[in-house]
Amino acid sequence: MSAQCVLANNSSPELAQKLAAWVISPEAQKLALDHAAYSPTNTQVTESGAAGEQLKQMQSYVKNAVVLDWKTINQNRPKWNTQWNRSVEQ
């Protein structure tokens, strides 16, 4: 897995945004699939053979992904942590 973030106040914001856009492009993600066994998250990437099966599986995961509500999670985290700790200690 990999992740990418463009840092705020960096010295080359336009270049950083261009790089971020390229990394998620079908072209870049297909290269990563072909040369590094990376599973693309861009659903426009196509492939055949064994890599194609891997790609279909990953694209299925992406289509069914759940976006987490981090604001709600962070607001409730202390209470949930306490509940978890009590459950584990029992």
PDB file of N, CA and C in Angstrom:
ATOM      1  N   MET A   1       0.836  -1.179   0.000  1.00  0.00           N
ATOM      2  CA  MET A   1       0.000   0.000   0.000  1.00  0.00           C
ATOM      3  C   MET A   1       0.875   1.233   0.000  1.00  0.00           C
ATOM      4  N   SER A   2       0.315   2.280  -0.516  1.00  0.00           N
ATOM      5  CA  SER A   2       1.017   3.550  -0.477  1.00  0.00           C
ATOM      6  C   SER A   2       0.010   4.657  -0.256  1.00  0.00           C
ATOM      7  N   ALA A   3       0.509   5.770   0.184  1.00  0.00           N
ATOM      8  CA  ALA A   3      -0.332   6.940   0.405  1.00  0.00           C
ATOM      9  C   ALA A   3       0.454   8.169  -0.025  1.00  0.00           C
ATOM     10  N   GLN A   4      -0.273   9.207  -0.311  1.00  0.00           N
ATOM     11  CA  GLN A   4       0.386  10.439  -0.735  1.00  0.00           C
ATOM     12  C   GLN A   4      -0.399  11.622  -0.208  1.00  0.00           C
ATOM     13  N   CYS A   5       0.310  12.604   0.279  1.00  0.00           N
ATOM     14  CA  CYS A   5      -0.304  13.846   0.741  1.00  0.00           C
ATOM     15  C   CYS A   5       0.548  15.006   0.237  1.00  0.00           C
ATOM     16  N   VAL A   6      -0.129  16.061  -0.169  1.00  0.00           N
ATOM     17  CA  VAL A   6       0.586  17.283  -0.534  1.00  0.00           C
ATOM     18  C   VAL A   6       0.646  18.130   0.730  1.00  0.00           C
ATOM     19  N   LEU A   7       1.848  18.482   1.135  1.00  0.00           N
ATOM     20  CA  LEU A   7       2.025  19.248   2.359  1.00  0.00           C
ATOM     21  C   LEU A   7       1.641  20.710   2.149  1.00  0.00           C
ATOM     22  N   ALA A   8       1.003  21.269   3.146  1.00  0.00           N
ATOM     23  CA  ALA A   8       0.663  22.688   3.100  1.00  0.00           C
ATOM     24  C   ALA A   8       1.941  23.508   3.160  1.00  0.00           C
ATOM     25  N   ASN A   9       1.929  24.630   2.510  1.00  0.00           N
ATOM     26  CA  ASN A   9       3.054  25.590   2.543  1.00  0.00           C
ATOM     27  C   ASN A   9       4.365  25.003   2.047  1.00  0.00           C
ATOM     28  N   ASN A  10       4.300  24.066   1.085  1.00  0.00           N
ATOM     29  CA  ASN A  10       5.548  23.527   0.548  1.00  0.00           C
ATOM     30  C   ASN A  10       6.133  24.517  -0.458  1.00  0.00           C
ATOM     31  N   SER A  11       7.363  24.294  -0.859  1.00  0.00           N
ATOM     32  CA  SER A  11       8.065  25.253  -1.722  1.00  0.00           C
ATOM     33  C   SER A  11       7.629  25.197  -3.187  1.00  0.00           C
ATOM     34  N   SER A  12       6.927  24.137  -3.584  1.00  0.00           N
ATOM     35  CA  SER A  12       6.481  23.987  -4.978  1.00  0.00           C
ATOM     36  C   SER A  12       5.044  23.462  -5.020  1.00  0.00           C
ATOM     37  N   PRO A  13       4.066  24.261  -4.593  1.00  0.00           N
ATOM     38  CA  PRO A  13       2.702  23.749  -4.486  1.00  0.00           C
ATOM     39  C   PRO A  13       2.108  23.281  -5.816  1.00  0.00           C
ATOM     40  N   GLU A  14       2.380  23.986  -6.905  1.00  0.00           N
ATOM     41  CA  GLU A  14       1.833  23.564  -8.201  1.00  0.00           C
ATOM     42  C   GLU A  14       2.437  22.237  -8.645  1.00  0.00           C
ATOM     43  N   LEU A  15       3.733  22.094  -8.469  1.00  0.00           N
ATOM     44  CA  LEU A  15       4.406  20.852  -8.836  1.00  0.00           C
ATOM     45  C   LEU A  15       3.924  19.696  -7.953  1.00  0.00           C
ATOM     46  N   ALA A  16       3.728  19.965  -6.686  1.00  0.00           N
ATOM     47  CA  ALA A  16       3.233  18.933  -5.771  1.00  0.00           C
ATOM     48  C   ALA A  16       1.843  18.459  -6.187  1.00  0.00           C
ATOM     49  N   GLN A  17       0.984  19.394  -6.589  1.00  0.00           N
ATOM     50  CA  GLN A  17      -0.364  19.021  -7.038  1.00  0.00           C
ATOM     51  C   GLN A  17      -0.303  18.219  -8.338  1.00  0.00           C
ATOM     52  N   LYS A  18       0.611  18.584  -9.227  1.00  0.00           N
ATOM     53  CA  LYS A  18       0.775  17.839 -10.483  1.00  0.00           C
ATOM     54  C   LYS A  18       1.218  16.401 -10.193  1.00  0.00           C
ATOM     55  N   LEU A  19       2.160  16.243  -9.286  1.00  0.00           N
ATOM     56  CA  LEU A  19       2.624  14.907  -8.916  1.00  0.00           C
ATOM     57  C   LEU A  19       1.485  14.095  -8.310  1.00  0.00           C
ATOM     58  N   ALA A  20       0.724  14.692  -7.416  1.00  0.00           N
ATOM     59  CA  ALA A  20      -0.394  13.991  -6.784  1.00  0.00           C
ATOM     60  C   ALA A  20      -1.403  13.544  -7.838  1.00  0.00           C
ATOM     61  N   ALA A  21      -1.705  14.405  -8.787  1.00  0.00           N
ATOM     62  CA  ALA A  21      -2.655  14.065  -9.849  1.00  0.00           C
ATOM     63  C   ALA A  21      -2.107  12.933 -10.716  1.00  0.00           C
ATOM     64  N   TRP A  22      -0.813  12.963 -10.997  1.00  0.00           N
ATOM     65  CA  TRP A  22      -0.220  11.913 -11.830  1.00  0.00           C
ATOM     66  C   TRP A  22      -0.237  10.572 -11.114  1.00  0.00           C
ATOM     67  N   VAL A  23       0.071  10.562  -9.828  1.00  0.00           N
ATOM     68  CA  VAL A  23       0.136   9.305  -9.074  1.00  0.00           C
ATOM     69  C   VAL A  23      -1.208   8.579  -9.082  1.00  0.00           C
ATOM     70  N   ILE A  24      -2.310   9.312  -9.113  1.00  0.00           N
ATOM     71  CA  ILE A  24      -3.624   8.659  -9.134  1.00  0.00           C
ATOM     72  C   ILE A  24      -4.180   8.496 -10.550  1.00  0.00           C
ATOM     73  N   SER A  25      -3.407   8.882 -11.550  1.00  0.00           N
ATOM     74  CA  SER A  25      -3.849   8.743 -12.938  1.00  0.00           C
ATOM     75  C   SER A  25      -3.845   7.271 -13.355  1.00  0.00           C
ATOM     76  N   PRO A  26      -4.684   6.907 -14.336  1.00  0.00           N
ATOM     77  CA  PRO A  26      -4.671   5.530 -14.829  1.00  0.00           C
ATOM     78  C   PRO A  26      -3.289   5.109 -15.337  1.00  0.00           C
ATOM     79  N   GLU A  27      -2.595   6.013 -16.019  1.00  0.00           N
ATOM     80  CA  GLU A  27      -1.261   5.698 -16.560  1.00  0.00           C
ATOM     81  C   GLU A  27      -0.295   5.286 -15.450  1.00  0.00           C
ATOM     82  N   ALA A  28      -0.207   6.101 -14.406  1.00  0.00           N
ATOM     83  CA  ALA A  28       0.731   5.822 -13.315  1.00  0.00           C
ATOM     84  C   ALA A  28       0.337   4.568 -12.550  1.00  0.00           C
ATOM     85  N   GLN A  29      -0.952   4.390 -12.316  1.00  0.00           N
ATOM     86  CA  GLN A  29      -1.380   3.228 -11.547  1.00  0.00           C
ATOM     87  C   GLN A  29      -1.228   1.930 -12.343  1.00  0.00           C
ATOM     88  N   LYS A  30      -1.364   1.988 -13.657  1.00  0.00           N
ATOM     89  CA  LYS A  30      -1.113   0.805 -14.482  1.00  0.00           C
ATOM     90  C   LYS A  30       0.378   0.448 -14.440  1.00  0.00           C
ATOM     91  N   LEU A  31       1.240   1.451 -14.498  1.00  0.00           N
ATOM     92  CA  LEU A  31       2.678   1.183 -14.370  1.00  0.00           C
ATOM     93  C   LEU A  31       2.992   0.525 -13.035  1.00  0.00           C
ATOM     94  N   ALA A  32       2.380   1.014 -11.980  1.00  0.00           N
ATOM     95  CA  ALA A  32       2.616   0.439 -10.657  1.00  0.00           C
ATOM     96  C   ALA A  32       2.101  -0.995 -10.585  1.00  0.00           C
ATOM     97  N   LEU A  33       0.964  -1.266 -11.221  1.00  0.00           N
ATOM     98  CA  LEU A  33       0.434  -2.633 -11.269  1.00  0.00           C
ATOM     99  C   LEU A  33       1.376  -3.550 -12.035  1.00  0.00           C
ATOM    100  N   ASP A  34       1.834  -3.088 -13.195  1.00  0.00           N
ATOM    101  CA  ASP A  34       2.689  -3.913 -14.054  1.00  0.00           C
ATOM    102  C   ASP A  34       4.077  -4.156 -13.486  1.00  0.00           C
ATOM    103  N   HIS A  35       4.610  -3.179 -12.757  1.00  0.00           N
ATOM    104  CA  HIS A  35       6.016  -3.274 -12.334  1.00  0.00           C
ATOM    105  C   HIS A  35       6.224  -3.431 -10.836  1.00  0.00           C
ATOM    106  N   ALA A  36       5.174  -3.254 -10.052  1.00  0.00           N
ATOM    107  CA  ALA A  36       5.375  -3.337  -8.605  1.00  0.00           C
ATOM    108  C   ALA A  36       4.260  -4.108  -7.900  1.00  0.00           C
ATOM    109  N   ALA A  37       3.382  -4.767  -8.672  1.00  0.00           N
ATOM    110  CA  ALA A  37       2.261  -5.527  -8.110  1.00  0.00           C
ATOM    111  C   ALA A  37       1.388  -4.663  -7.202  1.00  0.00           C
ATOM    112  N   TYR A  38       1.341  -3.376  -7.486  1.00  0.00           N
ATOM    113  CA  TYR A  38       0.501  -2.434  -6.749  1.00  0.00           C
ATOM    114  C   TYR A  38      -0.931  -2.576  -7.237  1.00  0.00           C
ATOM    115  N   SER A  39      -1.880  -2.614  -6.348  1.00  0.00           N
ATOM    116  CA  SER A  39      -3.287  -2.714  -6.730  1.00  0.00           C
ATOM    117  C   SER A  39      -3.875  -1.319  -6.894  1.00  0.00           C
ATOM    118  N   PRO A  40      -4.195  -0.932  -8.114  1.00  0.00           N
ATOM    119  CA  PRO A  40      -4.701   0.417  -8.361  1.00  0.00           C
ATOM    120  C   PRO A  40      -6.045   0.677  -7.689  1.00  0.00           C
ATOM    121  N   THR A  41      -6.252   1.903  -7.298  1.00  0.00           N
ATOM    122  CA  THR A  41      -7.548   2.332  -6.786  1.00  0.00           C
ATOM    123  C   THR A  41      -8.305   3.116  -7.844  1.00  0.00           C
ATOM    124  N   ASN A  42      -7.650   3.473  -8.927  1.00  0.00           N
ATOM    125  CA  ASN A  42      -8.292   4.180 -10.031  1.00  0.00           C
ATOM    126  C   ASN A  42      -9.044   3.153 -10.871  1.00  0.00           C
ATOM    127  N   THR A  43     -10.364   3.287 -10.951  1.00  0.00           N
ATOM    128  CA  THR A  43     -11.183   2.285 -11.634  1.00  0.00           C
ATOM    129  C   THR A  43     -11.071   2.357 -13.153  1.00  0.00           C
ATOM    130  N   GLN A  44     -10.322   3.305 -13.693  1.00  0.00           N
ATOM    131  CA  GLN A  44     -10.132   3.397 -15.138  1.00  0.00           C
ATOM    132  C   GLN A  44      -8.952   2.547 -15.625  1.00  0.00           C
ATOM    133  N   VAL A  45      -8.192   1.957 -14.705  1.00  0.00           N
ATOM    134  CA  VAL A  45      -7.067   1.104 -15.075  1.00  0.00           C
ATOM    135  C   VAL A  45      -7.606  -0.230 -15.584  1.00  0.00           C
ATOM    136  N   THR A  46      -7.040  -0.720 -16.687  1.00  0.00           N
ATOM    137  CA  THR A  46      -7.448  -2.014 -17.232  1.00  0.00           C
ATOM    138  C   THR A  46      -6.232  -2.926 -17.352  1.00  0.00           C
ATOM    139  N   GLU A  47      -6.487  -4.237 -17.288  1.00  0.00           N
ATOM    140  CA  GLU A  47      -5.407  -5.223 -17.361  1.00  0.00           C
ATOM    141  C   GLU A  47      -6.040  -6.569 -17.683  1.00  0.00           C
ATOM    142  N   SER A  48      -5.222  -7.524 -18.117  1.00  0.00           N
ATOM    143  CA  SER A  48      -5.710  -8.876 -18.399  1.00  0.00           C
ATOM    144  C   SER A  48      -4.834  -9.887 -17.666  1.00  0.00           C
ATOM    145  N   GLY A  49      -5.205 -11.156 -17.753  1.00  0.00           N
ATOM    146  CA  GLY A  49      -4.433 -12.209 -17.112  1.00  0.00           C
ATOM    147  C   GLY A  49      -4.542 -12.175 -15.606  1.00  0.00           C
ATOM    148  N   ALA A  50      -3.506 -12.684 -14.924  1.00  0.00           N
ATOM    149  CA  ALA A  50      -3.505 -12.747 -13.461  1.00  0.00           C
ATOM    150  C   ALA A  50      -3.606 -11.353 -12.853  1.00  0.00           C
ATOM    151  N   ALA A  51      -2.914 -10.403 -13.460  1.00  0.00           N
ATOM    152  CA  ALA A  51      -2.974  -9.024 -12.955  1.00  0.00           C
ATOM    153  C   ALA A  51      -4.391  -8.484 -13.104  1.00  0.00           C
ATOM    154  N   GLY A  52      -5.096  -8.898 -14.153  1.00  0.00           N
ATOM    155  CA  GLY A  52      -6.466  -8.468 -14.361  1.00  0.00           C
ATOM    156  C   GLY A  52      -7.391  -8.954 -13.259  1.00  0.00           C
ATOM    157  N   GLU A  53      -7.177 -10.187 -12.796  1.00  0.00           N
ATOM    158  CA  GLU A  53      -7.990 -10.723 -11.702  1.00  0.00           C
ATOM    159  C   GLU A  53      -7.728  -9.944 -10.418  1.00  0.00           C
ATOM    160  N   GLN A  54      -6.456  -9.653 -10.157  1.00  0.00           N
ATOM    161  CA  GLN A  54      -6.090  -8.862  -8.982  1.00  0.00           C
ATOM    162  C   GLN A  54      -6.746  -7.484  -9.068  1.00  0.00           C
ATOM    163  N   LEU A  55      -6.716  -6.916 -10.249  1.00  0.00           N
ATOM    164  CA  LEU A  55      -7.289  -5.596 -10.469  1.00  0.00           C
ATOM    165  C   LEU A  55      -8.799  -5.607 -10.248  1.00  0.00           C
ATOM    166  N   LYS A  56      -9.493  -6.613 -10.764  1.00  0.00           N
ATOM    167  CA  LYS A  56     -10.945  -6.708 -10.584  1.00  0.00           C
ATOM    168  C   LYS A  56     -11.305  -6.789  -9.109  1.00  0.00           C
ATOM    169  N   GLN A  57     -10.520  -7.563  -8.360  1.00  0.00           N
ATOM    170  CA  GLN A  57     -10.791  -7.698  -6.929  1.00  0.00           C
ATOM    171  C   GLN A  57     -10.602  -6.358  -6.223  1.00  0.00           C
ATOM    172  N   MET A  58      -9.522  -5.655  -6.526  1.00  0.00           N
ATOM    173  CA  MET A  58      -9.270  -4.372  -5.880  1.00  0.00           C
ATOM    174  C   MET A  58     -10.354  -3.357  -6.255  1.00  0.00           C
ATOM    175  N   GLN A  59     -10.761  -3.342  -7.518  1.00  0.00           N
ATOM    176  CA  GLN A  59     -11.781  -2.394  -7.947  1.00  0.00           C
ATOM    177  C   GLN A  59     -13.112  -2.690  -7.256  1.00  0.00           C
ATOM    178  N   SER A  60     -13.382  -3.955  -6.977  1.00  0.00           N
ATOM    179  CA  SER A  60     -14.580  -4.310  -6.224  1.00  0.00           C
ATOM    180  C   SER A  60     -14.505  -3.739  -4.812  1.00  0.00           C
ATOM    181  N   TYR A  61     -13.334  -3.839  -4.187  1.00  0.00           N
ATOM    182  CA  TYR A  61     -13.152  -3.266  -2.854  1.00  0.00           C
ATOM    183  C   TYR A  61     -13.376  -1.757  -2.879  1.00  0.00           C
ATOM    184  N   VAL A  62     -12.814  -1.093  -3.887  1.00  0.00           N
ATOM    185  CA  VAL A  62     -12.927   0.363  -3.987  1.00  0.00           C
ATOM    186  C   VAL A  62     -14.386   0.775  -4.158  1.00  0.00           C
ATOM    187  N   LYS A  63     -15.120   0.075  -5.012  1.00  0.00           N
ATOM    188  CA  LYS A  63     -16.534   0.419  -5.243  1.00  0.00           C
ATOM    189  C   LYS A  63     -17.375   0.248  -3.991  1.00  0.00           C
ATOM    190  N   ASN A  64     -16.974  -0.667  -3.109  1.00  0.00           N
ATOM    191  CA  ASN A  64     -17.744  -0.939  -1.898  1.00  0.00           C
ATOM    192  C   ASN A  64     -17.141  -0.309  -0.648  1.00  0.00           C
ATOM    193  N   ALA A  65     -16.159   0.551  -0.831  1.00  0.00           N
ATOM    194  CA  ALA A  65     -15.492   1.183   0.304  1.00  0.00           C
ATOM    195  C   ALA A  65     -16.460   2.089   1.071  1.00  0.00           C
ATOM    196  N   VAL A  66     -16.255   2.150   2.345  1.00  0.00           N
ATOM    197  CA  VAL A  66     -17.057   3.005   3.210  1.00  0.00           C
ATOM    198  C   VAL A  66     -16.175   4.182   3.635  1.00  0.00           C
ATOM    199  N   VAL A  67     -16.690   5.380   3.452  1.00  0.00           N
ATOM    200  CA  VAL A  67     -15.962   6.571   3.875  1.00  0.00           C
ATOM    201  C   VAL A  67     -16.286   6.812   5.344  1.00  0.00           C
ATOM    202  N   LEU A  68     -15.263   6.867   6.153  1.00  0.00           N
ATOM    203  CA  LEU A  68     -15.458   7.055   7.593  1.00  0.00           C
ATOM    204  C   LEU A  68     -15.705   8.524   7.919  1.00  0.00           C
ATOM    205  N   ASP A  69     -16.561   8.755   8.888  1.00  0.00           N
ATOM    206  CA  ASP A  69     -16.863  10.102   9.364  1.00  0.00           C
ATOM    207  C   ASP A  69     -15.919  10.408  10.530  1.00  0.00           C
ATOM    208  N   TRP A  70     -14.736  10.927  10.199  1.00  0.00           N
ATOM    209  CA  TRP A  70     -13.706  11.137  11.215  1.00  0.00           C
ATOM    210  C   TRP A  70     -14.096  12.169  12.256  1.00  0.00           C
ATOM    211  N   LYS A  71     -14.939  13.120  11.895  1.00  0.00           N
ATOM    212  CA  LYS A  71     -15.388  14.116  12.882  1.00  0.00           C
ATOM    213  C   LYS A  71     -16.161  13.407  13.994  1.00  0.00           C
ATOM    214  N   THR A  72     -17.078  12.534  13.610  1.00  0.00           N
ATOM    215  CA  THR A  72     -17.851  11.778  14.596  1.00  0.00           C
ATOM    216  C   THR A  72     -16.954  10.819  15.373  1.00  0.00           C
ATOM    217  N   ILE A  73     -16.067  10.144  14.677  1.00  0.00           N
ATOM    218  CA  ILE A  73     -15.149   9.216  15.352  1.00  0.00           C
ATOM    219  C   ILE A  73     -14.318   9.947  16.397  1.00  0.00           C
ATOM    220  N   ASN A  74     -13.733  11.067  16.016  1.00  0.00           N
ATOM    221  CA  ASN A  74     -12.875  11.793  16.952  1.00  0.00           C
ATOM    222  C   ASN A  74     -13.654  12.379  18.119  1.00  0.00           C
ATOM    223  N   GLN A  75     -14.904  12.782  17.884  1.00  0.00           N
ATOM    224  CA  GLN A  75     -15.729  13.304  18.982  1.00  0.00           C
ATOM    225  C   GLN A  75     -16.056  12.209  19.997  1.00  0.00           C
ATOM    226  N   ASN A  76     -16.214  10.984  19.521  1.00  0.00           N
ATOM    227  CA  ASN A  76     -16.611   9.873  20.390  1.00  0.00           C
ATOM    228  C   ASN A  76     -15.466   8.981  20.838  1.00  0.00           C
ATOM    229  N   ARG A  77     -14.272   9.262  20.335  1.00  0.00           N
ATOM    230  CA  ARG A  77     -13.138   8.379  20.608  1.00  0.00           C
ATOM    231  C   ARG A  77     -12.880   8.141  22.101  1.00  0.00           C
ATOM    232  N   PRO A  78     -12.852   9.166  22.955  1.00  0.00           N
ATOM    233  CA  PRO A  78     -12.576   8.892  24.381  1.00  0.00           C
ATOM    234  C   PRO A  78     -13.608   7.941  25.001  1.00  0.00           C
ATOM    235  N   LYS A  79     -14.873   8.162  24.708  1.00  0.00           N
ATOM    236  CA  LYS A  79     -15.928   7.296  25.251  1.00  0.00           C
ATOM    237  C   LYS A  79     -15.785   5.878  24.704  1.00  0.00           C
ATOM    238  N   TRP A  80     -15.548   5.757  23.403  1.00  0.00           N
ATOM    239  CA  TRP A  80     -15.414   4.434  22.797  1.00  0.00           C
ATOM    240  C   TRP A  80     -14.176   3.716  23.311  1.00  0.00           C
ATOM    241  N   ASN A  81     -13.085   4.453  23.518  1.00  0.00           N
ATOM    242  CA  ASN A  81     -11.871   3.847  24.079  1.00  0.00           C
ATOM    243  C   ASN A  81     -12.134   3.299  25.471  1.00  0.00           C
ATOM    244  N   THR A  82     -12.875   4.067  26.271  1.00  0.00           N
ATOM    245  CA  THR A  82     -13.209   3.616  27.625  1.00  0.00           C
ATOM    246  C   THR A  82     -14.053   2.349  27.564  1.00  0.00           C
ATOM    247  N   GLN A  83     -15.053   2.338  26.685  1.00  0.00           N
ATOM    248  CA  GLN A  83     -15.898   1.147  26.531  1.00  0.00           C
ATOM    249  C   GLN A  83     -15.067  -0.050  26.080  1.00  0.00           C
ATOM    250  N   TRP A  84     -14.172   0.168  25.140  1.00  0.00           N
ATOM    251  CA  TRP A  84     -13.319  -0.916  24.647  1.00  0.00           C
ATOM    252  C   TRP A  84     -12.439  -1.462  25.775  1.00  0.00           C
ATOM    253  N   ASN A  85     -11.807  -0.556  26.490  1.00  0.00           N
ATOM    254  CA  ASN A  85     -10.912  -0.989  27.573  1.00  0.00           C
ATOM    255  C   ASN A  85     -11.662  -1.780  28.623  1.00  0.00           C
ATOM    256  N   ARG A  86     -12.884  -1.369  28.965  1.00  0.00           N
ATOM    257  CA  ARG A  86     -13.681  -2.112  29.942  1.00  0.00           C
ATOM    258  C   ARG A  86     -14.020  -3.514  29.416  1.00  0.00           C
ATOM    259  N   SER A  87     -14.340  -3.604  28.128  1.00  0.00           N
ATOM    260  CA  SER A  87     -14.676  -4.898  27.530  1.00  0.00           C
ATOM    261  C   SER A  87     -13.470  -5.834  27.540  1.00  0.00           C
ATOM    262  N   VAL A  88     -12.312  -5.311  27.245  1.00  0.00           N
ATOM    263  CA  VAL A  88     -11.094  -6.112  27.179  1.00  0.00           C
ATOM    264  C   VAL A  88     -10.661  -6.546  28.572  1.00  0.00           C
ATOM    265  N   GLU A  89     -10.837  -5.680  29.540  1.00  0.00           N
ATOM    266  CA  GLU A  89     -10.407  -5.993  30.912  1.00  0.00           C
ATOM    267  C   GLU A  89     -11.275  -7.061  31.555  1.00  0.00           C
ATOM    268  N   GLN A  90     -12.504  -7.260  31.085  1.00  0.00           N
ATOM    269  CA  GLN A  90     -13.414  -8.229  31.710  1.00  0.00           C
ATOM    270  C   GLN A  90     -12.998  -9.624  31.466  1.00  0.00           C
TER     271      GLN A  90
END
